[in-house]
Amino acid sequence: MSDKHITLHDDSPERSILARLILPDTVVEEDPLEELHGLATTSGTEVVDELIQRRSTPDHSTYLGKGKVEELRLMVERHEADVVIFDNDLSPAQIRNLEKKTNAKVIDRTELILDIFAAGARTHESRLAVELAQLEYSLPRLKRMWTHLSRQSMGVGMRGPGEKQLEVDRRLAQKRIHDLKTELKSVELRRERQVAARSDSPTVSLVGYTNAGKSTLMNALTDAGVMAQDKLFATLDTRTRRWHLPEWGHVLLSDTVGFIRDLPHSLVASFKSTLEETRQAELLLHVADASSPQVFEQISAVYQVLEELGIEAKDTLLVLNKIDAITSPRVLNRVLDRYPNAIPVSARSRSGLKPLAQAVGEALSREFLDVEIGVAHHDGKLLSFLSATGKIESREFGNDHVIVRVRMPASAMGTVKRSALSVTPTTLEMWKQTASDDESKQSDENSAEESVERSSDVA
């Protein structure tokens, strides 16, 4: 009888220890490791212990002080932990030194977030973005990760005598980064064209801290049926659905990746194409978890990411979600005192959705006009454009034309005026604006005529 070797696979999750160094100027939450605990759980590890240290400055070699490093080593030994996860960003040397002293794998906050994004990426676009961010993070931390590609030729003159493997690895990584950036640029341009192609319909984009309930809110508003889970970064890819606003019309509602404190800059840059819907939206709905003890810090973190994207000045409504999870009115009032114009809702119980829809309609109407447009009967293209672009209030049919009363985006008026028989404003504000534009145009024409006359006199 021949011997058979049986290999047993351990399917149990990695056991992790959480660690954080708190510096003097750091804003500290009630539970300093609560968010990291959620990230670690989302990544699939089992948290077995935690360690916190307060220091004026990080230790240059091990980040934590010598005594805390020894305490961390004993924790790893006692719990037989596989990995130590830091809620800070560490240098490659600090990671290497900590791994030697604790005999465990060490990862920092950025690497953990990148790992979660890599596990959650489903589309080709998001996978490209995650791979680019991971490579840019890993480039200064290369540990012979690319040895399986070492036999590939890089071309005549590219290899010098005695070149180290690390240099080959680094060059391979840099080439892959260049290729990914080129491909993502192409994806970004294609996404811009796709979004611009449907610019006839206004877009409202959901933004907010991860796990604030954006996907649940989207389901409540549009019956979209998108995945909504109570975990961090459940959504990485953009989803867009039609949303009917009562007394207003249809808009496009988009939901995309959530933000987080200290979101890696490389990740923000890599996901630029995925966030194109947000960049081009007419209105942002900033969804915040009103029940979170860190709601103020989370709101600030979202505004910081919006600033990095260059869209912090975009028209925004703050939506306070999860009010059904608040047990004391004082908790909600505390947030409303700071943000009195915020709109309280519960996506889960669907309360507050009507006031939200009304507020969105009013916000969008600031950029819309009420007009009467004369359209030739045979101009089906313009009639279709008006139906798709705005909300048609009425039609009056004449012998050879139809008068359409419509509310539509001011940005679409250029297209309308090119083929319409007539355009008549139906609001006092637009009459004033039209009169002002006409006066300005007449003034420019008069100035041009006077200039011509003066030139003639001189001649």
Protein backbone atom coordinates (compact mmCIF):
# COMPACT_ATOMS: atom_id res chain seq x y z
CA MET A 1 0.00 0.00 0.00
CA SER A 2 1.49 3.31 -1.06
CA ASP A 3 1.64 6.20 1.36
CA LYS A 4 -0.72 9.07 0.65
CA HIS A 5 0.12 12.57 1.72
CA ILE A 6 -2.92 14.51 2.90
CA THR A 7 -2.66 18.29 2.97
CA LEU A 8 -4.97 20.04 5.40
CA HIS A 9 -5.99 23.58 4.50
CA ASP A 10 -6.70 25.99 7.32
CA ASP A 11 -9.74 28.03 6.27
CA SER A 12 -9.89 30.02 9.47
CA PRO A 13 -9.40 33.80 9.08
CA GLU A 14 -6.11 35.48 9.89
CA ARG A 15 -5.85 36.63 13.50
CA SER A 16 -5.03 40.32 13.69
CA ILE A 17 -3.90 42.80 16.32
CA LEU A 18 -4.78 46.47 15.83
CA ALA A 19 -2.34 49.23 16.74
CA ARG A 20 -2.41 53.02 16.60
CA LEU A 21 -0.05 55.82 17.57
CA ILE A 22 -1.88 59.01 18.61
CA LEU A 23 0.07 62.22 18.14
CA PRO A 24 -0.63 65.44 20.10
CA ASP A 25 -2.57 67.30 17.35
CA THR A 26 -4.69 64.28 16.35
CA VAL A 27 -8.49 64.45 16.73
CA VAL A 28 -9.31 61.35 18.78
CA GLU A 29 -12.66 59.60 18.61
CA GLU A 30 -14.38 58.05 21.61
CA ASP A 31 -13.10 54.65 20.43
CA PRO A 32 -9.83 55.39 18.56
CA LEU A 33 -9.75 51.98 16.88
CA GLU A 34 -13.44 51.58 15.99
CA GLU A 35 -13.01 52.43 12.30
CA LEU A 36 -9.86 50.31 11.95
CA HIS A 37 -11.76 47.43 13.55
CA GLY A 38 -14.42 47.77 10.84
CA LEU A 39 -11.78 47.86 8.11
CA ALA A 40 -10.00 44.81 9.53
CA THR A 41 -13.27 42.88 9.74
CA THR A 42 -14.19 43.88 6.18
CA SER A 43 -10.82 42.54 5.00
CA GLY A 44 -11.66 39.16 6.51
CA THR A 45 -9.43 39.07 9.59
CA GLU A 46 -10.41 38.20 13.15
CA VAL A 47 -9.40 40.95 15.58
CA VAL A 48 -7.96 39.41 18.76
CA ASP A 49 -6.39 42.41 20.55
CA GLU A 50 -5.68 46.14 20.35
CA LEU A 51 -2.82 48.44 21.33
CA ILE A 52 -2.74 52.25 21.57
CA GLN A 53 0.19 54.55 22.38
CA ARG A 54 0.36 58.34 22.78
CA ARG A 55 3.66 59.97 21.87
CA SER A 56 4.83 63.43 20.88
CA THR A 57 6.63 62.03 17.82
CA PRO A 58 6.87 58.59 16.15
CA ASP A 59 10.00 56.51 16.67
CA HIS A 60 11.97 56.76 13.43
CA SER A 61 12.81 53.04 13.31
CA THR A 62 9.75 51.25 14.74
CA TYR A 63 7.08 54.03 14.87
CA LEU A 64 6.04 52.87 18.38
CA GLY A 65 8.28 53.25 21.41
CA LYS A 66 10.60 50.42 22.44
CA GLY A 67 8.39 49.34 25.37
CA LYS A 68 5.23 49.23 23.23
CA VAL A 69 7.00 47.22 20.54
CA GLU A 70 7.89 44.61 23.18
CA GLU A 71 4.27 44.66 24.42
CA LEU A 72 3.12 44.14 20.84
CA ARG A 73 5.49 41.19 20.44
CA LEU A 74 4.07 39.54 23.55
CA MET A 75 0.51 40.09 22.25
CA VAL A 76 1.40 38.39 18.97
CA GLU A 77 2.96 35.47 20.85
CA ARG A 78 0.05 35.13 23.30
CA HIS A 79 -2.70 35.19 20.65
CA GLU A 80 -0.67 33.45 17.93
CA ALA A 81 -1.57 36.40 15.72
CA ASP A 82 -0.77 36.39 12.01
CA VAL A 83 -0.81 40.10 11.26
CA VAL A 84 -0.47 43.47 13.00
CA ILE A 85 -2.56 46.25 11.41
CA PHE A 86 -1.61 49.87 12.08
CA ASP A 87 -4.05 52.76 11.85
CA ASN A 88 -1.13 54.90 10.66
CA ASP A 89 0.98 55.08 7.53
CA LEU A 90 4.40 53.50 8.08
CA SER A 91 7.63 53.75 6.10
CA PRO A 92 9.06 50.60 4.45
CA ALA A 93 11.89 50.53 6.99
CA GLN A 94 9.48 50.78 9.95
CA ILE A 95 7.40 47.90 8.58
CA ARG A 96 10.50 45.79 8.07
CA ASN A 97 11.82 46.48 11.60
CA LEU A 98 8.43 45.78 13.22
CA GLU A 99 8.10 42.48 11.37
CA LYS A 100 11.53 41.40 12.63
CA LYS A 101 10.71 42.30 16.23
CA THR A 102 7.17 40.87 16.36
CA ASN A 103 7.63 37.84 14.08
CA ALA A 104 4.35 38.74 12.38
CA LYS A 105 3.25 40.37 9.15
CA VAL A 106 2.78 44.14 9.54
CA ILE A 107 0.57 46.29 7.29
CA ASP A 108 -0.42 49.93 7.61
CA ARG A 109 -3.72 51.75 7.03
CA THR A 110 -3.14 52.46 3.34
CA GLU A 111 -2.21 48.87 2.51
CA LEU A 112 -5.31 47.62 4.34
CA ILE A 113 -7.61 49.95 2.39
CA LEU A 114 -5.96 48.94 -0.89
CA ASP A 115 -6.45 45.28 0.00
CA ILE A 116 -10.16 45.84 0.67
CA PHE A 117 -10.54 47.70 -2.64
CA ALA A 118 -8.74 44.89 -4.48
CA ALA A 119 -11.11 42.30 -3.00
CA GLY A 120 -14.19 44.37 -3.86
CA ALA A 121 -13.29 45.47 -7.39
CA ARG A 122 -15.69 43.85 -9.85
CA THR A 123 -15.43 45.80 -13.11
CA HIS A 124 -12.44 46.07 -15.43
CA GLU A 125 -12.21 49.80 -14.69
CA SER A 126 -12.11 49.46 -10.91
CA ARG A 127 -9.57 46.63 -11.14
CA LEU A 128 -7.27 48.82 -13.21
CA ALA A 129 -7.63 51.64 -10.69
CA VAL A 130 -6.86 49.39 -7.73
CA GLU A 131 -3.86 47.77 -9.42
CA LEU A 132 -2.40 51.19 -10.23
CA ALA A 133 -2.84 52.41 -6.65
CA GLN A 134 -1.32 49.19 -5.27
CA LEU A 135 1.71 49.41 -7.54
CA GLU A 136 2.36 53.07 -6.69
CA TYR A 137 2.16 52.17 -3.01
CA SER A 138 4.37 49.09 -3.41
CA LEU A 139 7.08 50.62 -5.62
CA PRO A 140 9.23 51.89 -2.70
CA ARG A 141 8.42 48.71 -0.76
CA LEU A 142 9.47 46.11 -3.33
CA LYS A 143 10.61 42.84 -1.74
CA ARG A 144 11.36 40.77 -4.81
CA MET A 145 7.63 40.57 -5.54
CA TRP A 146 8.17 40.34 -9.29
CA THR A 147 10.75 37.53 -9.45
CA HIS A 148 8.42 35.42 -11.62
CA LEU A 149 8.94 38.00 -14.40
CA SER A 150 12.70 38.30 -14.00
CA ARG A 151 13.50 36.29 -17.13
CA GLN A 152 11.59 38.68 -19.42
CA SER A 153 13.87 40.70 -21.65
CA MET A 154 13.69 44.46 -21.38
CA GLY A 155 15.47 45.09 -24.69
CA VAL A 156 19.02 45.62 -25.90
CA GLY A 157 21.00 48.03 -23.77
CA MET A 158 18.53 47.90 -20.87
CA ARG A 159 20.54 45.52 -18.67
CA GLY A 160 23.95 46.33 -17.31
CA PRO A 161 26.44 43.83 -15.95
CA GLY A 162 25.72 42.84 -12.38
CA GLU A 163 22.35 44.58 -12.21
CA LYS A 164 20.48 43.62 -9.05
CA GLN A 165 17.14 41.85 -9.14
CA LEU A 166 15.53 44.71 -7.24
CA GLU A 167 16.40 47.12 -10.07
CA VAL A 168 14.75 44.80 -12.59
CA ASP A 169 11.69 44.55 -10.36
CA ARG A 170 11.50 48.30 -10.02
CA ARG A 171 11.76 48.86 -13.77
CA LEU A 172 9.05 46.26 -14.45
CA ALA A 173 6.78 47.95 -11.90
CA GLN A 174 7.36 51.38 -13.43
CA LYS A 175 6.54 50.07 -16.91
CA ARG A 176 3.31 48.48 -15.63
CA ILE A 177 2.37 51.74 -13.89
CA HIS A 178 2.91 53.63 -17.16
CA ASP A 179 0.74 51.11 -19.06
CA LEU A 180 -2.03 51.29 -16.44
CA LYS A 181 -2.06 55.10 -16.49
CA THR A 182 -2.33 55.06 -20.28
CA GLU A 183 -5.21 52.58 -20.21
CA LEU A 184 -7.01 54.44 -17.41
CA LYS A 185 -6.65 57.71 -19.32
CA SER A 186 -8.41 56.07 -22.25
CA VAL A 187 -11.14 54.79 -19.90
CA GLU A 188 -11.45 58.26 -18.38
CA LEU A 189 -11.94 59.92 -21.78
CA ARG A 190 -14.51 57.28 -22.74
CA ARG A 191 -16.36 57.83 -19.45
CA GLU A 192 -16.37 61.59 -20.00
CA ARG A 193 -17.97 61.07 -23.42
CA GLN A 194 -20.57 58.69 -21.97
CA VAL A 195 -21.53 61.13 -19.23
CA ALA A 196 -21.58 64.08 -21.62
CA ALA A 197 -23.76 62.12 -24.05
CA ARG A 198 -26.56 62.03 -21.53
CA SER A 199 -26.09 65.60 -20.31
CA ASP A 200 -29.62 66.30 -21.57
CA SER A 201 -30.80 64.82 -18.23
CA PRO A 202 -29.55 66.44 -15.03
CA THR A 203 -27.44 64.20 -12.79
CA VAL A 204 -27.60 64.07 -9.01
CA SER A 205 -24.67 62.24 -7.38
CA LEU A 206 -24.61 60.58 -3.98
CA VAL A 207 -21.38 61.13 -2.06
CA GLY A 208 -20.51 60.44 1.54
CA TYR A 209 -18.48 58.54 4.08
CA THR A 210 -18.29 54.80 3.54
CA ASN A 211 -21.21 52.90 5.11
CA ALA A 212 -23.32 56.07 5.48
CA GLY A 213 -26.17 54.32 3.64
CA LYS A 214 -25.85 55.77 0.13
CA SER A 215 -26.79 52.53 -1.66
CA THR A 216 -29.75 51.96 0.68
CA LEU A 217 -30.92 55.52 -0.01
CA MET A 218 -30.57 54.96 -3.75
CA ASN A 219 -32.72 51.82 -3.49
CA ALA A 220 -35.33 53.73 -1.49
CA LEU A 221 -35.49 56.58 -4.04
CA THR A 222 -35.33 54.57 -7.28
CA ASP A 223 -36.10 50.90 -6.43
CA ALA A 224 -32.73 50.22 -8.05
CA GLY A 225 -32.06 46.96 -6.22
CA VAL A 226 -28.32 47.66 -5.94
CA MET A 227 -26.28 45.79 -3.34
CA ALA A 228 -26.44 47.47 0.06
CA GLN A 229 -24.48 45.87 2.90
CA ASP A 230 -23.62 47.02 6.40
CA LYS A 231 -19.89 47.05 5.79
CA LEU A 232 -17.20 49.48 4.68
CA PHE A 233 -16.67 49.97 0.93
CA ALA A 234 -19.55 47.73 -0.13
CA THR A 235 -19.78 49.81 -3.34
CA LEU A 236 -16.77 50.55 -5.55
CA ASP A 237 -18.34 50.98 -8.99
CA THR A 238 -20.68 53.73 -10.15
CA ARG A 239 -24.36 52.84 -10.52
CA THR A 240 -26.79 55.24 -12.21
CA ARG A 241 -30.60 54.99 -12.16
CA ARG A 242 -33.53 57.20 -13.19
CA TRP A 243 -35.25 59.01 -10.30
CA HIS A 244 -38.64 60.66 -10.75
CA LEU A 245 -39.02 63.90 -8.78
CA PRO A 246 -42.70 64.76 -8.19
CA GLU A 247 -43.71 68.12 -9.67
CA TRP A 248 -40.39 68.28 -11.46
CA GLY A 249 -39.46 65.37 -13.73
CA HIS A 250 -36.82 62.67 -14.17
CA VAL A 251 -33.17 63.00 -13.17
CA LEU A 252 -30.27 60.55 -13.13
CA LEU A 253 -29.16 59.48 -9.64
CA SER A 254 -25.65 58.01 -9.35
CA ASP A 255 -23.99 56.18 -6.46
CA THR A 256 -20.28 55.48 -6.28
CA VAL A 257 -17.44 54.60 -3.90
CA GLY A 258 -17.62 55.93 -0.35
CA PHE A 259 -14.91 58.10 1.15
CA ILE A 260 -12.97 57.65 4.37
CA ARG A 261 -10.59 59.52 6.65
CA ASP A 262 -7.05 59.62 5.24
CA LEU A 263 -8.12 58.04 1.96
CA PRO A 264 -4.88 57.30 0.06
CA HIS A 265 -4.12 60.04 -2.48
CA SER A 266 -3.10 57.47 -5.07
CA LEU A 267 -6.49 55.80 -4.72
CA VAL A 268 -8.35 59.09 -5.24
CA ALA A 269 -6.29 59.75 -8.38
CA SER A 270 -6.77 56.20 -9.69
CA PHE A 271 -10.55 56.34 -9.25
CA LYS A 272 -10.85 59.66 -11.10
CA SER A 273 -12.64 58.04 -14.04
CA THR A 274 -15.01 56.14 -11.72
CA LEU A 275 -15.88 59.44 -10.03
CA GLU A 276 -16.61 61.19 -13.34
CA GLU A 277 -20.36 61.08 -12.60
CA THR A 278 -19.70 63.06 -9.43
CA ARG A 279 -17.46 65.55 -11.20
CA GLN A 280 -20.09 66.34 -13.84
CA ALA A 281 -23.21 66.19 -11.66
CA GLU A 282 -25.42 69.27 -11.36
CA LEU A 283 -26.05 68.54 -7.66
CA LEU A 284 -24.36 66.48 -4.94
CA LEU A 285 -26.25 64.75 -2.13
CA HIS A 286 -23.77 64.43 0.73
CA VAL A 287 -25.10 61.50 2.77
CA ALA A 288 -23.89 61.37 6.38
CA ASP A 289 -24.59 58.81 9.12
CA ALA A 290 -26.33 61.00 11.72
CA SER A 291 -26.19 58.17 14.28
CA SER A 292 -22.40 57.89 14.19
CA PRO A 293 -20.49 59.41 17.13
CA GLN A 294 -17.91 60.57 14.56
CA VAL A 295 -20.43 62.24 12.23
CA PHE A 296 -18.69 65.66 12.32
CA GLU A 297 -15.28 64.15 11.54
CA GLN A 298 -16.81 62.06 8.74
CA ILE A 299 -18.52 65.09 7.17
CA SER A 300 -15.22 66.98 7.26
CA ALA A 301 -13.36 64.03 5.71
CA VAL A 302 -15.81 63.94 2.77
CA TYR A 303 -15.41 67.66 2.13
CA GLN A 304 -11.65 67.16 2.16
CA VAL A 305 -11.86 64.46 -0.54
CA LEU A 306 -14.22 66.65 -2.60
CA GLU A 307 -11.59 69.37 -2.37
CA GLU A 308 -8.94 66.93 -3.64
CA LEU A 309 -11.22 66.18 -6.59
CA GLY A 310 -11.64 69.91 -7.26
CA ILE A 311 -15.44 69.87 -6.85
CA GLU A 312 -15.86 71.26 -3.34
CA ALA A 313 -17.67 74.32 -4.73
CA LYS A 314 -20.38 72.25 -6.45
CA ASP A 315 -23.97 72.79 -5.23
CA THR A 316 -24.45 70.30 -2.36
CA LEU A 317 -27.28 69.23 -0.05
CA LEU A 318 -26.35 67.55 3.24
CA VAL A 319 -28.56 64.51 3.97
CA LEU A 320 -28.53 63.15 7.53
CA ASN A 321 -29.30 59.44 7.13
CA LYS A 322 -30.06 56.69 9.71
CA ILE A 323 -32.19 58.92 11.96
CA ASP A 324 -34.15 55.75 12.85
CA ALA A 325 -31.00 54.53 14.66
CA ILE A 326 -30.92 57.61 16.92
CA THR A 327 -32.43 56.97 20.35
CA SER A 328 -32.25 60.52 21.73
CA PRO A 329 -33.50 63.67 19.91
CA ARG A 330 -30.55 65.54 21.40
CA VAL A 331 -28.17 63.55 19.19
CA LEU A 332 -29.91 64.70 16.00
CA ASN A 333 -30.38 68.26 17.28
CA ARG A 334 -26.66 68.47 17.96
CA VAL A 335 -25.98 67.87 14.25
CA LEU A 336 -28.81 70.14 13.08
CA ASP A 337 -27.50 72.96 15.27
CA ARG A 338 -24.27 72.92 13.25
CA TYR A 339 -25.94 72.15 9.89
CA PRO A 340 -29.43 73.77 10.08
CA ASN A 341 -30.13 73.27 6.36
CA ALA A 342 -29.46 69.52 6.47
CA ILE A 343 -32.29 67.13 5.56
CA PRO A 344 -32.95 64.29 8.08
CA VAL A 345 -34.00 60.99 6.47
CA SER A 346 -34.07 57.27 7.09
CA ALA A 347 -33.39 55.28 3.94
CA ARG A 348 -34.29 52.06 5.74
CA SER A 349 -37.73 53.20 6.98
CA ARG A 350 -38.20 55.60 4.00
CA SER A 351 -39.02 58.55 6.23
CA GLY A 352 -38.08 62.07 5.11
CA LEU A 353 -37.84 61.12 1.42
CA LYS A 354 -40.56 63.55 0.27
CA PRO A 355 -38.85 66.62 1.81
CA LEU A 356 -35.59 65.38 0.26
CA ALA A 357 -37.16 65.13 -3.22
CA GLN A 358 -38.67 68.58 -2.81
CA ALA A 359 -35.31 70.06 -1.75
CA VAL A 360 -33.57 68.42 -4.72
CA GLY A 361 -36.20 69.81 -7.10
CA GLU A 362 -35.79 73.31 -5.67
CA ALA A 363 -31.99 73.09 -5.89
CA LEU A 364 -32.09 71.93 -9.51
CA SER A 365 -34.67 74.58 -10.40
CA ARG A 366 -32.14 77.26 -9.59
CA GLU A 367 -30.38 76.17 -12.77
CA PHE A 368 -33.57 75.69 -14.81
CA LEU A 369 -35.85 77.99 -16.80
CA ASP A 370 -39.58 78.04 -17.62
CA VAL A 371 -39.99 78.86 -21.31
CA GLU A 372 -42.50 78.72 -24.18
CA ILE A 373 -40.86 77.37 -27.34
CA GLY A 374 -42.27 77.52 -30.83
CA VAL A 375 -41.44 74.33 -32.75
CA ALA A 376 -42.24 73.47 -36.38
CA HIS A 377 -44.46 70.41 -36.76
CA HIS A 378 -41.84 68.63 -38.86
CA ASP A 379 -39.04 69.26 -36.31
CA GLY A 380 -39.35 65.95 -34.47
CA LYS A 381 -35.73 66.13 -33.36
CA LEU A 382 -36.30 69.30 -31.31
CA LEU A 383 -39.56 67.95 -29.87
CA SER A 384 -37.75 64.78 -28.75
CA PHE A 385 -34.93 66.91 -27.28
CA LEU A 386 -37.41 68.96 -25.24
CA SER A 387 -39.12 65.82 -23.93
CA ALA A 388 -35.81 64.24 -22.93
CA THR A 389 -34.28 67.40 -21.50
CA GLY A 390 -37.02 69.02 -19.48
CA LYS A 391 -40.49 68.63 -18.06
CA ILE A 392 -43.17 69.57 -20.59
CA GLU A 393 -46.05 71.41 -18.94
CA SER A 394 -48.35 71.85 -21.98
CA ARG A 395 -48.60 71.87 -25.78
CA GLU A 396 -50.68 74.20 -27.98
CA PHE A 397 -50.99 73.16 -31.62
CA GLY A 398 -51.22 75.68 -34.46
CA ASN A 399 -51.48 75.24 -38.23
CA ASP A 400 -47.77 74.71 -38.86
CA HIS A 401 -46.21 74.78 -35.40
CA VAL A 402 -46.66 73.82 -31.76
CA ILE A 403 -46.04 75.99 -28.69
CA VAL A 404 -44.39 73.87 -25.98
CA ARG A 405 -44.29 75.17 -22.42
CA VAL A 406 -41.38 73.42 -20.70
CA ARG A 407 -39.06 73.65 -17.70
CA MET A 408 -35.53 72.86 -18.83
CA PRO A 409 -31.84 73.38 -17.99
CA ALA A 410 -30.46 76.80 -18.84
CA SER A 411 -27.42 75.04 -20.31
CA ALA A 412 -29.60 73.48 -23.03
CA MET A 413 -30.94 76.79 -24.37
CA GLY A 414 -28.15 77.08 -26.94
CA THR A 415 -29.32 73.85 -28.63
CA VAL A 416 -32.96 75.01 -28.53
CA LYS A 417 -32.31 78.45 -30.06
CA ARG A 418 -30.52 76.96 -33.07
CA SER A 419 -33.72 75.39 -34.46
CA ALA A 420 -36.70 76.81 -32.50
CA LEU A 421 -39.13 79.19 -34.25
CA SER A 422 -39.39 81.26 -31.06
CA VAL A 423 -38.28 81.21 -27.43
CA THR A 424 -40.36 83.15 -24.90
CA PRO A 425 -39.50 83.28 -21.18
CA THR A 426 -42.40 82.69 -18.80
CA THR A 427 -40.75 83.85 -15.56
CA LEU A 428 -40.01 87.39 -14.43
CA GLU A 429 -36.44 86.42 -13.60
CA MET A 430 -35.80 85.20 -17.11
CA TRP A 431 -37.43 88.29 -18.60
CA LYS A 432 -34.98 90.37 -16.59
CA GLN A 433 -32.05 88.21 -17.65
CA THR A 434 -33.15 88.32 -21.30
CA ALA A 435 -33.54 92.09 -21.15
CA SER A 436 -30.14 92.42 -19.51
CA ASP A 437 -28.55 90.20 -22.19
CA ASP A 438 -30.26 92.22 -24.96
CA GLU A 439 -29.08 95.50 -23.43
CA SER A 440 -25.54 94.14 -23.17
CA LYS A 441 -25.66 92.91 -26.76
CA GLN A 442 -27.04 96.25 -27.99
CA SER A 443 -24.36 98.09 -26.03
CA ASP A 444 -21.67 95.96 -27.65
CA GLU A 445 -23.16 96.58 -31.11
CA ASN A 446 -23.33 100.34 -30.47
CA SER A 447 -19.73 100.34 -29.28
CA ALA A 448 -18.67 98.46 -32.40
CA GLU A 449 -20.53 100.94 -34.64
CA GLU A 450 -18.97 103.93 -32.86
CA SER A 451 -15.54 102.32 -33.26
CA VAL A 452 -16.14 101.88 -37.00
CA GLU A 453 -17.31 105.49 -37.32
CA ARG A 454 -14.23 106.78 -35.50
CA SER A 455 -12.01 104.69 -37.76
CA SER A 456 -13.75 106.14 -40.82
CA ASP A 457 -13.28 109.68 -39.53
CA VAL A 458 -9.59 109.08 -38.98
CA ALA A 459 -9.24 107.67 -42.45
